Amino acid sequence: QVQLVESGGGLVQAGGSPRLSCTASGKIFGINWMGWYRQAPGNERDLVAMISRNGNTRYADSMNGRFTISGDYDKGTVSLQMNTLKPEDTALYYCHAVYLKRDYWGQGTQVTVSS
């Protein structure tokens, strides 16, 4: 139905500002929400940010304005600009999409923040 592929991430120094990108393929015109989740070792997968087809955004409170999500639904892409990264932002970041009320996930891209 929908396939998601992430790019970006890697090893980043504290204070860095990497950008994650995700490209959807398949039935992209049926996607209503796209966004990012993250999962650190031993923790649950938590919402980072999401953006709807009409541009509504939602952020996790813990982001404190450091992250900005943007999306282009015509192209099926969503990006996450991350600023002022901290070691506690180290996690596997997953792209997420909702299509016909079903959740779809990418494979994840690792972001490791060194102090």
Protein backbone atom coordinates (compact mmCIF):
# COMPACT_ATOMS: atom_id res chain seq x y z
CA GLN A 1 0.00 0.00 0.00
CA VAL A 2 2.53 2.56 1.23
CA GLN A 3 6.29 2.24 1.48
CA LEU A 4 8.44 4.68 3.44
CA VAL A 5 12.16 5.24 3.08
CA GLU A 6 14.13 7.47 5.43
CA SER A 7 17.41 9.26 4.84
CA GLY A 8 19.64 11.49 6.92
CA GLY A 9 20.80 10.94 10.46
CA GLY A 10 24.07 9.36 11.47
CA LEU A 11 26.58 10.50 14.05
CA VAL A 12 26.12 14.13 15.08
CA GLN A 13 27.89 16.26 17.65
CA ALA A 14 25.84 17.84 20.40
CA GLY A 15 24.45 21.15 19.19
CA GLY A 16 24.29 19.94 15.62
CA SER A 17 21.38 20.41 13.23
CA PRO A 18 20.78 17.43 10.97
CA ARG A 19 17.79 16.99 8.71
CA LEU A 20 15.88 13.77 8.24
CA SER A 21 13.88 13.08 5.10
CA CYS A 22 11.30 10.47 4.23
CA THR A 23 9.86 9.56 0.86
CA ALA A 24 6.64 7.63 0.48
CA SER A 25 5.75 5.50 -2.51
CA GLY A 26 2.66 3.55 -3.43
CA LYS A 27 -0.76 5.02 -2.72
CA ILE A 28 0.57 8.36 -1.51
CA PHE A 29 -2.56 10.30 -2.44
CA GLY A 30 -4.48 8.47 0.26
CA ILE A 31 -2.09 9.44 3.04
CA ASN A 32 -3.62 11.80 5.62
CA TRP A 33 -0.79 12.15 8.14
CA MET A 34 2.95 11.78 7.93
CA GLY A 35 5.45 12.23 10.67
CA TRP A 36 8.33 11.01 12.78
CA TYR A 37 8.63 8.84 15.85
CA ARG A 38 11.73 7.82 17.72
CA GLN A 39 12.77 4.96 19.92
CA ALA A 40 15.77 4.92 22.22
CA PRO A 41 17.12 1.62 23.59
CA GLY A 42 14.87 0.30 26.33
CA ASN A 43 12.19 2.89 25.63
CA GLU A 44 8.91 2.89 23.79
CA ARG A 45 8.46 4.42 20.36
CA ASP A 46 7.34 8.01 20.92
CA LEU A 47 5.93 10.71 18.70
CA VAL A 48 8.34 13.43 17.61
CA ALA A 49 6.21 15.41 15.17
CA MET A 50 3.55 14.95 12.55
CA ILE A 51 1.95 16.98 9.80
CA SER A 52 -1.41 16.52 8.12
CA ARG A 53 -2.24 16.83 4.45
CA ASN A 54 -3.74 20.29 5.11
CA GLY A 55 -0.69 21.46 7.02
CA ASN A 56 -1.70 20.97 10.65
CA THR A 57 1.28 20.07 12.80
CA ARG A 58 1.68 18.36 16.11
CA TYR A 59 4.85 18.13 18.18
CA ALA A 60 5.82 16.24 21.28
CA ASP A 61 6.13 18.63 24.20
CA SER A 62 9.68 17.47 24.87
CA MET A 63 10.89 18.88 21.57
CA ASN A 64 10.72 22.40 23.08
CA GLY A 65 10.66 24.05 19.67
CA ARG A 66 13.96 22.54 18.56
CA PHE A 67 12.48 20.44 15.76
CA THR A 68 10.48 21.56 12.72
CA ILE A 69 8.48 19.26 10.48
CA SER A 70 7.57 20.01 6.88
CA GLY A 71 5.84 18.00 4.22
CA ASP A 72 4.94 17.92 0.56
CA TYR A 73 2.03 15.57 0.11
CA ASP A 74 2.03 15.91 -3.67
CA LYS A 75 5.51 14.42 -3.65
CA GLY A 76 4.93 12.17 -0.67
CA THR A 77 7.80 13.59 1.32
CA VAL A 78 8.20 14.69 4.92
CA SER A 79 11.27 16.19 6.54
CA LEU A 80 12.35 16.86 10.09
CA GLN A 81 14.79 19.67 10.77
CA MET A 82 16.43 19.02 14.10
CA ASN A 83 18.33 21.79 15.88
CA THR A 84 20.50 21.98 18.97
CA LEU A 85 20.68 18.23 19.35
CA LYS A 86 21.42 16.73 22.75
CA PRO A 87 22.78 13.29 23.65
CA GLU A 88 19.31 12.35 24.88
CA ASP A 89 18.02 12.79 21.32
CA THR A 90 19.96 9.65 20.38
CA ALA A 91 17.44 7.18 19.00
CA LEU A 92 16.21 5.29 16.00
CA TYR A 93 13.96 7.69 14.10
CA TYR A 94 11.05 6.22 12.18
CA CYS A 95 9.01 7.75 9.41
CA HIS A 96 5.30 7.15 9.86
CA ALA A 97 2.26 7.54 7.63
CA VAL A 98 -1.45 6.94 8.04
CA TYR A 99 -3.24 5.57 5.00
CA LEU A 100 -6.88 4.52 5.26
CA LYS A 101 -6.54 4.53 9.04
CA ARG A 102 -3.63 2.06 8.90
CA ASP A 103 -0.17 2.82 10.21
CA TYR A 104 2.84 2.41 7.99
CA TRP A 105 6.46 2.61 9.12
CA GLY A 106 9.83 3.03 7.56
CA GLN A 107 12.81 0.93 8.58
CA GLY A 108 14.19 3.73 10.73
CA THR A 109 17.33 5.82 10.60
CA GLN A 110 19.75 6.01 13.51
CA VAL A 111 20.65 9.38 14.99
CA THR A 112 23.49 9.28 17.51
CA VAL A 113 24.44 12.48 19.30
CA SER A 114 27.90 12.62 20.81
CA SER A 115 28.65 14.90 23.73
